[in-house]
Amino acid sequence: ARYAALQKRFARTIDAPVRIRNVRVFDPASGKL
């Protein structure tokens, strides 16, 4: 019950596409950002 309440407080589920701008992705194949 405690953690269900915390889940409701902290979890954000957005009913839309989410775009994270301006990030550098770690590529395990090359080992680089």
ModelCIF file with pLDDT and N, C-alpha, C, O atoms, coordinates in Angstrom:
data_MODEL
#
_entry.id   MODEL 
#
_entity.id                         1 
_entity.type                       polymer 
_entity.pdbx_number_of_molecules   1 
#
_entity_poly.entity_id                      1 
_entity_poly.type                           'polypeptide(L)' 
_entity_poly.nstd_linkage                   no 
_entity_poly.nstd_monomer                   no 
_entity_poly.pdbx_seq_one_letter_code       ARYAALQKRFARTIDAPVRIRNVRVFDPASGKL 
_entity_poly.pdbx_seq_one_letter_code_can   ARYAALQKRFARTIDAPVRIRNVRVFDPASGKL 
_entity_poly.pdbx_strand_id                 A 
#
loop_
_entity_poly_seq.entity_id 
_entity_poly_seq.num 
_entity_poly_seq.mon_id 
_entity_poly_seq.hetero 
1 1  ALA n 
1 2  ARG n 
1 3  TYR n 
1 4  ALA n 
1 5  ALA n 
1 6  LEU n 
1 7  GLN n 
1 8  LYS n 
1 9  ARG n 
1 10 PHE n 
1 11 ALA n 
1 12 ARG n 
1 13 THR n 
1 14 ILE n 
1 15 ASP n 
1 16 ALA n 
1 17 PRO n 
1 18 VAL n 
1 19 ARG n 
1 20 ILE n 
1 21 ARG n 
1 22 ASN n 
1 23 VAL n 
1 24 ARG n 
1 25 VAL n 
1 26 PHE n 
1 27 ASP n 
1 28 PRO n 
1 29 ALA n 
1 30 SER n 
1 31 GLY n 
1 32 LYS n 
1 33 LEU n 
#
_struct_asym.id          A 
_struct_asym.entity_id   1 
#
loop_
_ma_qa_metric.id 
_ma_qa_metric.mode 
_ma_qa_metric.name 
_ma_qa_metric.software_group_id 
_ma_qa_metric.type 
1 global pLDDT . pLDDT 
2 local  pLDDT . pLDDT 
#
_ma_qa_metric_global.metric_id      1 
_ma_qa_metric_global.metric_value   96.79 
_ma_qa_metric_global.model_id       1 
_ma_qa_metric_global.ordinal_id     1 
#
loop_
_ma_qa_metric_local.label_asym_id 
_ma_qa_metric_local.label_comp_id 
_ma_qa_metric_local.label_seq_id 
_ma_qa_metric_local.metric_id 
_ma_qa_metric_local.metric_value 
_ma_qa_metric_local.model_id 
_ma_qa_metric_local.ordinal_id 
A ALA 1  2 92.00 1 1  
A ARG 2  2 92.00 1 2  
A TYR 3  2 94.00 1 3  
A ALA 4  2 96.00 1 4  
A ALA 5  2 95.00 1 5  
A LEU 6  2 96.00 1 6  
A GLN 7  2 97.00 1 7  
A LYS 8  2 97.00 1 8  
A ARG 9  2 97.00 1 9  
A PHE 10 2 98.00 1 10 
A ALA 11 2 98.00 1 11 
A ARG 12 2 97.00 1 12 
A THR 13 2 96.00 1 13 
A ILE 14 2 96.00 1 14 
A ASP 15 2 95.00 1 15 
A ALA 16 2 97.00 1 16 
A PRO 17 2 98.00 1 17 
A VAL 18 2 98.00 1 18 
A ARG 19 2 98.00 1 19 
A ILE 20 2 98.00 1 20 
A ARG 21 2 98.00 1 21 
A ASN 22 2 98.00 1 22 
A VAL 23 2 98.00 1 23 
A ARG 24 2 98.00 1 24 
A VAL 25 2 98.00 1 25 
A PHE 26 2 98.00 1 26 
A ASP 27 2 98.00 1 27 
A PRO 28 2 97.00 1 28 
A ALA 29 2 96.00 1 29 
A SER 30 2 97.00 1 30 
A GLY 31 2 97.00 1 31 
A LYS 32 2 98.00 1 32 
A LEU 33 2 98.00 1 33 
#
loop_
_atom_site.group_PDB 
_atom_site.id 
_atom_site.type_symbol 
_atom_site.label_atom_id 
_atom_site.label_alt_id 
_atom_site.label_comp_id 
_atom_site.label_asym_id 
_atom_site.label_entity_id 
_atom_site.label_seq_id 
_atom_site.pdbx_PDB_ins_code 
_atom_site.Cartn_x 
_atom_site.Cartn_y 
_atom_site.Cartn_z 
_atom_site.occupancy 
_atom_site.B_iso_or_equiv 
_atom_site.pdbx_formal_charge 
_atom_site.auth_seq_id 
_atom_site.auth_comp_id 
_atom_site.auth_asym_id 
_atom_site.auth_atom_id 
_atom_site.pdbx_PDB_model_num 
ATOM 1   N N  . ALA A 1 1  ? 0.835  -1.206 0.000   1.00 92.00 ? 1  ALA A N  1 
ATOM 2   C CA . ALA A 1 1  ? 0.000  0.000  0.000   1.00 92.00 ? 1  ALA A CA 1 
ATOM 3   C C  . ALA A 1 1  ? 0.869  1.254  0.000   1.00 92.00 ? 1  ALA A C  1 
ATOM 4   O O  . ALA A 1 1  ? 0.555  2.231  -0.681  1.00 92.00 ? 1  ALA A O  1 
ATOM 5   N N  . ARG A 1 2  ? 1.964  1.227  0.766   1.00 92.00 ? 2  ARG A N  1 
ATOM 6   C CA . ARG A 1 2  ? 2.869  2.383  0.786   1.00 92.00 ? 2  ARG A CA 1 
ATOM 7   C C  . ARG A 1 2  ? 3.467  2.626  -0.584  1.00 92.00 ? 2  ARG A C  1 
ATOM 8   O O  . ARG A 1 2  ? 3.490  3.758  -1.068  1.00 92.00 ? 2  ARG A O  1 
ATOM 9   N N  . TYR A 1 3  ? 3.950  1.564  -1.208  1.00 94.00 ? 3  TYR A N  1 
ATOM 10  C CA . TYR A 1 3  ? 4.630  1.752  -2.481  1.00 94.00 ? 3  TYR A CA 1 
ATOM 11  C C  . TYR A 1 3  ? 3.665  1.954  -3.643  1.00 94.00 ? 3  TYR A C  1 
ATOM 12  O O  . TYR A 1 3  ? 4.039  2.520  -4.670  1.00 94.00 ? 3  TYR A O  1 
ATOM 13  N N  . ALA A 1 4  ? 2.447  1.500  -3.488  1.00 96.00 ? 4  ALA A N  1 
ATOM 14  C CA . ALA A 1 4  ? 1.429  1.840  -4.485  1.00 96.00 ? 4  ALA A CA 1 
ATOM 15  C C  . ALA A 1 4  ? 1.130  3.332  -4.432  1.00 96.00 ? 4  ALA A C  1 
ATOM 16  O O  . ALA A 1 4  ? 0.951  3.973  -5.467  1.00 96.00 ? 4  ALA A O  1 
ATOM 17  N N  . ALA A 1 5  ? 1.077  3.878  -3.227  1.00 95.00 ? 5  ALA A N  1 
ATOM 18  C CA . ALA A 1 5  ? 0.851  5.319  -3.093  1.00 95.00 ? 5  ALA A CA 1 
ATOM 19  C C  . ALA A 1 5  ? 2.025  6.108  -3.661  1.00 95.00 ? 5  ALA A C  1 
ATOM 20  O O  . ALA A 1 5  ? 1.827  7.130  -4.317  1.00 95.00 ? 5  ALA A O  1 
ATOM 21  N N  . LEU A 1 6  ? 3.252  5.637  -3.411  1.00 96.00 ? 6  LEU A N  1 
ATOM 22  C CA . LEU A 1 6  ? 4.421  6.314  -3.969  1.00 96.00 ? 6  LEU A CA 1 
ATOM 23  C C  . LEU A 1 6  ? 4.444  6.216  -5.487  1.00 96.00 ? 6  LEU A C  1 
ATOM 24  O O  . LEU A 1 6  ? 4.843  7.163  -6.164  1.00 96.00 ? 6  LEU A O  1 
ATOM 25  N N  . GLN A 1 7  ? 4.022  5.082  -6.026  1.00 97.00 ? 7  GLN A N  1 
ATOM 26  C CA . GLN A 1 7  ? 3.957  4.930  -7.480  1.00 97.00 ? 7  GLN A CA 1 
ATOM 27  C C  . GLN A 1 7  ? 3.007  5.970  -8.083  1.00 97.00 ? 7  GLN A C  1 
ATOM 28  O O  . GLN A 1 7  ? 3.311  6.571  -9.113  1.00 97.00 ? 7  GLN A O  1 
ATOM 29  N N  . LYS A 1 8  ? 1.878  6.172  -7.446  1.00 97.00 ? 8  LYS A N  1 
ATOM 30  C CA . LYS A 1 8  ? 0.923  7.170  -7.955  1.00 97.00 ? 8  LYS A CA 1 
ATOM 31  C C  . LYS A 1 8  ? 1.514  8.569  -7.892  1.00 97.00 ? 8  LYS A C  1 
ATOM 32  O O  . LYS A 1 8  ? 1.225  9.407  -8.746  1.00 97.00 ? 8  LYS A O  1 
ATOM 33  N N  . ARG A 1 9  ? 2.341  8.824  -6.881  1.00 97.00 ? 9  ARG A N  1 
ATOM 34  C CA . ARG A 1 9  ? 2.948  10.153 -6.743  1.00 97.00 ? 9  ARG A CA 1 
ATOM 35  C C  . ARG A 1 9  ? 4.047  10.397 -7.766  1.00 97.00 ? 9  ARG A C  1 
ATOM 36  O O  . ARG A 1 9  ? 4.175  11.503 -8.290  1.00 97.00 ? 9  ARG A O  1 
ATOM 37  N N  . PHE A 1 10 ? 4.839  9.371  -8.051  1.00 98.00 ? 10 PHE A N  1 
ATOM 38  C CA . PHE A 1 10 ? 6.080  9.604  -8.784  1.00 98.00 ? 10 PHE A CA 1 
ATOM 39  C C  . PHE A 1 10 ? 6.063  9.162  -10.243 1.00 98.00 ? 10 PHE A C  1 
ATOM 40  O O  . PHE A 1 10 ? 6.832  9.688  -11.047 1.00 98.00 ? 10 PHE A O  1 
ATOM 41  N N  . ALA A 1 11 ? 5.220  8.223  -10.601 1.00 98.00 ? 11 ALA A N  1 
ATOM 42  C CA . ALA A 1 11 ? 5.223  7.701  -11.974 1.00 98.00 ? 11 ALA A CA 1 
ATOM 43  C C  . ALA A 1 11 ? 4.504  8.668  -12.909 1.00 98.00 ? 11 ALA A C  1 
ATOM 44  O O  . ALA A 1 11 ? 3.401  9.129  -12.615 1.00 98.00 ? 11 ALA A O  1 
ATOM 45  N N  . ARG A 1 12 ? 5.135  8.964  -14.025 1.00 97.00 ? 12 ARG A N  1 
ATOM 46  C CA . ARG A 1 12 ? 4.519  9.821  -15.042 1.00 97.00 ? 12 ARG A CA 1 
ATOM 47  C C  . ARG A 1 12 ? 4.347  9.007  -16.328 1.00 97.00 ? 12 ARG A C  1 
ATOM 48  O O  . ARG A 1 12 ? 5.321  8.655  -16.994 1.00 97.00 ? 12 ARG A O  1 
ATOM 49  N N  . THR A 1 13 ? 3.122  8.728  -16.649 1.00 96.00 ? 13 THR A N  1 
ATOM 50  C CA . THR A 1 13 ? 2.812  8.049  -17.911 1.00 96.00 ? 13 THR A CA 1 
ATOM 51  C C  . THR A 1 13 ? 2.092  9.049  -18.792 1.00 96.00 ? 13 THR A C  1 
ATOM 52  O O  . THR A 1 13 ? 0.974  9.472  -18.499 1.00 96.00 ? 13 THR A O  1 
ATOM 53  N N  . ILE A 1 14 ? 2.744  9.413  -19.857 1.00 96.00 ? 14 ILE A N  1 
ATOM 54  C CA . ILE A 1 14 ? 2.225  10.475 -20.729 1.00 96.00 ? 14 ILE A CA 1 
ATOM 55  C C  . ILE A 1 14 ? 1.592  9.846  -21.958 1.00 96.00 ? 14 ILE A C  1 
ATOM 56  O O  . ILE A 1 14 ? 2.237  9.081  -22.676 1.00 96.00 ? 14 ILE A O  1 
ATOM 57  N N  . ASP A 1 15 ? 0.349  10.164 -22.195 1.00 95.00 ? 15 ASP A N  1 
ATOM 58  C CA . ASP A 1 15 ? -0.391 9.610  -23.334 1.00 95.00 ? 15 ASP A CA 1 
ATOM 59  C C  . ASP A 1 15 ? -0.103 10.424 -24.591 1.00 95.00 ? 15 ASP A C  1 
ATOM 60  O O  . ASP A 1 15 ? -1.000 10.994 -25.212 1.00 95.00 ? 15 ASP A O  1 
ATOM 61  N N  . ALA A 1 16 ? 1.163  10.456 -24.937 1.00 97.00 ? 16 ALA A N  1 
ATOM 62  C CA . ALA A 1 16 ? 1.614  11.199 -26.118 1.00 97.00 ? 16 ALA A CA 1 
ATOM 63  C C  . ALA A 1 16 ? 3.063  10.817 -26.356 1.00 97.00 ? 16 ALA A C  1 
ATOM 64  O O  . ALA A 1 16 ? 3.732  10.348 -25.435 1.00 97.00 ? 16 ALA A O  1 
ATOM 65  N N  . PRO A 1 17 ? 3.565  11.007 -27.575 1.00 98.00 ? 17 PRO A N  1 
ATOM 66  C CA . PRO A 1 17 ? 5.002  10.807 -27.786 1.00 98.00 ? 17 PRO A CA 1 
ATOM 67  C C  . PRO A 1 17 ? 5.808  11.773 -26.915 1.00 98.00 ? 17 PRO A C  1 
ATOM 68  O O  . PRO A 1 17 ? 5.396  12.912 -26.694 1.00 98.00 ? 17 PRO A O  1 
ATOM 69  N N  . VAL A 1 18 ? 6.959  11.309 -26.422 1.00 98.00 ? 18 VAL A N  1 
ATOM 70  C CA . VAL A 1 18 ? 7.842  12.141 -25.610 1.00 98.00 ? 18 VAL A CA 1 
ATOM 71  C C  . VAL A 1 18 ? 9.158  12.293 -26.355 1.00 98.00 ? 18 VAL A C  1 
ATOM 72  O O  . VAL A 1 18 ? 9.793  11.305 -26.727 1.00 98.00 ? 18 VAL A O  1 
ATOM 73  N N  . ARG A 1 19 ? 9.556  13.526 -26.565 1.00 98.00 ? 19 ARG A N  1 
ATOM 74  C CA . ARG A 1 19 ? 10.798 13.838 -27.277 1.00 98.00 ? 19 ARG A CA 1 
ATOM 75  C C  . ARG A 1 19 ? 11.816 14.394 -26.280 1.00 98.00 ? 19 ARG A C  1 
ATOM 76  O O  . ARG A 1 19 ? 11.599 15.439 -25.668 1.00 98.00 ? 19 ARG A O  1 
ATOM 77  N N  . ILE A 1 20 ? 12.932 13.673 -26.128 1.00 98.00 ? 20 ILE A N  1 
ATOM 78  C CA . ILE A 1 20 ? 14.020 14.144 -25.267 1.00 98.00 ? 20 ILE A CA 1 
ATOM 79  C C  . ILE A 1 20 ? 15.028 14.848 -26.164 1.00 98.00 ? 20 ILE A C  1 
ATOM 80  O O  . ILE A 1 20 ? 15.736 14.203 -26.938 1.00 98.00 ? 20 ILE A O  1 
ATOM 81  N N  . ARG A 1 21 ? 15.091 16.145 -26.063 1.00 98.00 ? 21 ARG A N  1 
ATOM 82  C CA . ARG A 1 21 ? 15.957 16.940 -26.924 1.00 98.00 ? 21 ARG A CA 1 
ATOM 83  C C  . ARG A 1 21 ? 17.368 17.058 -26.351 1.00 98.00 ? 21 ARG A C  1 
ATOM 84  O O  . ARG A 1 21 ? 17.578 17.091 -25.139 1.00 98.00 ? 21 ARG A O  1 
ATOM 85  N N  . ASN A 1 22 ? 18.319 17.118 -27.273 1.00 98.00 ? 22 ASN A N  1 
ATOM 86  C CA . ASN A 1 22 ? 19.692 17.469 -26.928 1.00 98.00 ? 22 ASN A CA 1 
ATOM 87  C C  . ASN A 1 22 ? 20.312 16.481 -25.949 1.00 98.00 ? 22 ASN A C  1 
ATOM 88  O O  . ASN A 1 22 ? 20.687 16.841 -24.833 1.00 98.00 ? 22 ASN A O  1 
ATOM 89  N N  . VAL A 1 23 ? 20.412 15.237 -26.386 1.00 98.00 ? 23 VAL A N  1 
ATOM 90  C CA . VAL A 1 23 ? 21.102 14.214 -25.598 1.00 98.00 ? 23 VAL A CA 1 
ATOM 91  C C  . VAL A 1 23 ? 22.101 13.490 -26.491 1.00 98.00 ? 23 VAL A C  1 
ATOM 92  O O  . VAL A 1 23 ? 21.948 13.445 -27.712 1.00 98.00 ? 23 VAL A O  1 
ATOM 93  N N  . ARG A 1 24 ? 23.117 12.931 -25.865 1.00 98.00 ? 24 ARG A N  1 
ATOM 94  C CA . ARG A 1 24 ? 24.100 12.125 -26.571 1.00 98.00 ? 24 ARG A CA 1 
ATOM 95  C C  . ARG A 1 24 ? 23.917 10.680 -26.119 1.00 98.00 ? 24 ARG A C  1 
ATOM 96  O O  . ARG A 1 24 ? 23.966 10.383 -24.925 1.00 98.00 ? 24 ARG A O  1 
ATOM 97  N N  . VAL A 1 25 ? 23.708 9.798  -27.067 1.00 98.00 ? 25 VAL A N  1 
ATOM 98  C CA . VAL A 1 25 ? 23.367 8.412  -26.781 1.00 98.00 ? 25 VAL A CA 1 
ATOM 99  C C  . VAL A 1 25 ? 24.629 7.560  -26.737 1.00 98.00 ? 25 VAL A C  1 
ATOM 100 O O  . VAL A 1 25 ? 25.473 7.637  -27.630 1.00 98.00 ? 25 VAL A O  1 
ATOM 101 N N  . PHE A 1 26 ? 24.750 6.739  -25.679 1.00 98.00 ? 26 PHE A N  1 
ATOM 102 C CA . PHE A 1 26 ? 25.863 5.792  -25.627 1.00 98.00 ? 26 PHE A CA 1 
ATOM 103 C C  . PHE A 1 26 ? 25.549 4.619  -26.550 1.00 98.00 ? 26 PHE A C  1 
ATOM 104 O O  . PHE A 1 26 ? 24.507 3.974  -26.437 1.00 98.00 ? 26 PHE A O  1 
ATOM 105 N N  . ASP A 1 27 ? 26.485 4.361  -27.472 1.00 98.00 ? 27 ASP A N  1 
ATOM 106 C CA . ASP A 1 27 ? 26.340 3.271  -28.437 1.00 98.00 ? 27 ASP A CA 1 
ATOM 107 C C  . ASP A 1 27 ? 27.270 2.133  -28.022 1.00 98.00 ? 27 ASP A C  1 
ATOM 108 O O  . ASP A 1 27 ? 28.488 2.275  -28.128 1.00 98.00 ? 27 ASP A O  1 
ATOM 109 N N  . PRO A 1 28 ? 26.723 0.997  -27.550 1.00 97.00 ? 28 PRO A N  1 
ATOM 110 C CA . PRO A 1 28 ? 27.599 -0.090 -27.106 1.00 97.00 ? 28 PRO A CA 1 
ATOM 111 C C  . PRO A 1 28 ? 28.435 -0.689 -28.229 1.00 97.00 ? 28 PRO A C  1 
ATOM 112 O O  . PRO A 1 28 ? 29.488 -1.271 -27.964 1.00 97.00 ? 28 PRO A O  1 
ATOM 113 N N  . ALA A 1 29 ? 27.990 -0.561 -29.476 1.00 96.00 ? 29 ALA A N  1 
ATOM 114 C CA . ALA A 1 29 ? 28.760 -1.119 -30.592 1.00 96.00 ? 29 ALA A CA 1 
ATOM 115 C C  . ALA A 1 29 ? 30.079 -0.376 -30.764 1.00 96.00 ? 29 ALA A C  1 
ATOM 116 O O  . ALA A 1 29 ? 31.131 -0.998 -30.909 1.00 96.00 ? 29 ALA A O  1 
ATOM 117 N N  . SER A 1 30 ? 30.022 0.951  -30.747 1.00 97.00 ? 30 SER A N  1 
ATOM 118 C CA . SER A 1 30 ? 31.241 1.750  -30.925 1.00 97.00 ? 30 SER A CA 1 
ATOM 119 C C  . SER A 1 30 ? 31.917 2.082  -29.603 1.00 97.00 ? 30 SER A C  1 
ATOM 120 O O  . SER A 1 30 ? 33.105 2.403  -29.568 1.00 97.00 ? 30 SER A O  1 
ATOM 121 N N  . GLY A 1 31 ? 31.150 2.003  -28.506 1.00 97.00 ? 31 GLY A N  1 
ATOM 122 C CA . GLY A 1 31 ? 31.690 2.385  -27.204 1.00 97.00 ? 31 GLY A CA 1 
ATOM 123 C C  . GLY A 1 31 ? 31.831 3.885  -27.038 1.00 97.00 ? 31 GLY A C  1 
ATOM 124 O O  . GLY A 1 31 ? 32.586 4.348  -26.184 1.00 97.00 ? 31 GLY A O  1 
ATOM 125 N N  . LYS A 1 32 ? 31.106 4.652  -27.853 1.00 98.00 ? 32 LYS A N  1 
ATOM 126 C CA . LYS A 1 32 ? 31.226 6.108  -27.816 1.00 98.00 ? 32 LYS A CA 1 
ATOM 127 C C  . LYS A 1 32 ? 29.865 6.764  -27.626 1.00 98.00 ? 32 LYS A C  1 
ATOM 128 O O  . LYS A 1 32 ? 28.815 6.142  -27.791 1.00 98.00 ? 32 LYS A O  1 
ATOM 129 N N  . LEU A 1 33 ? 29.925 8.058  -27.269 1.00 98.00 ? 33 LEU A N  1 
ATOM 130 C CA . LEU A 1 33 ? 28.718 8.868  -27.262 1.00 98.00 ? 33 LEU A CA 1 
ATOM 131 C C  . LEU A 1 33 ? 28.540 9.492  -28.633 1.00 98.00 ? 33 LEU A C  1 
ATOM 132 O O  . LEU A 1 33 ? 27.576 10.224 -28.858 1.00 98.00 ? 33 LEU A O  1 
#
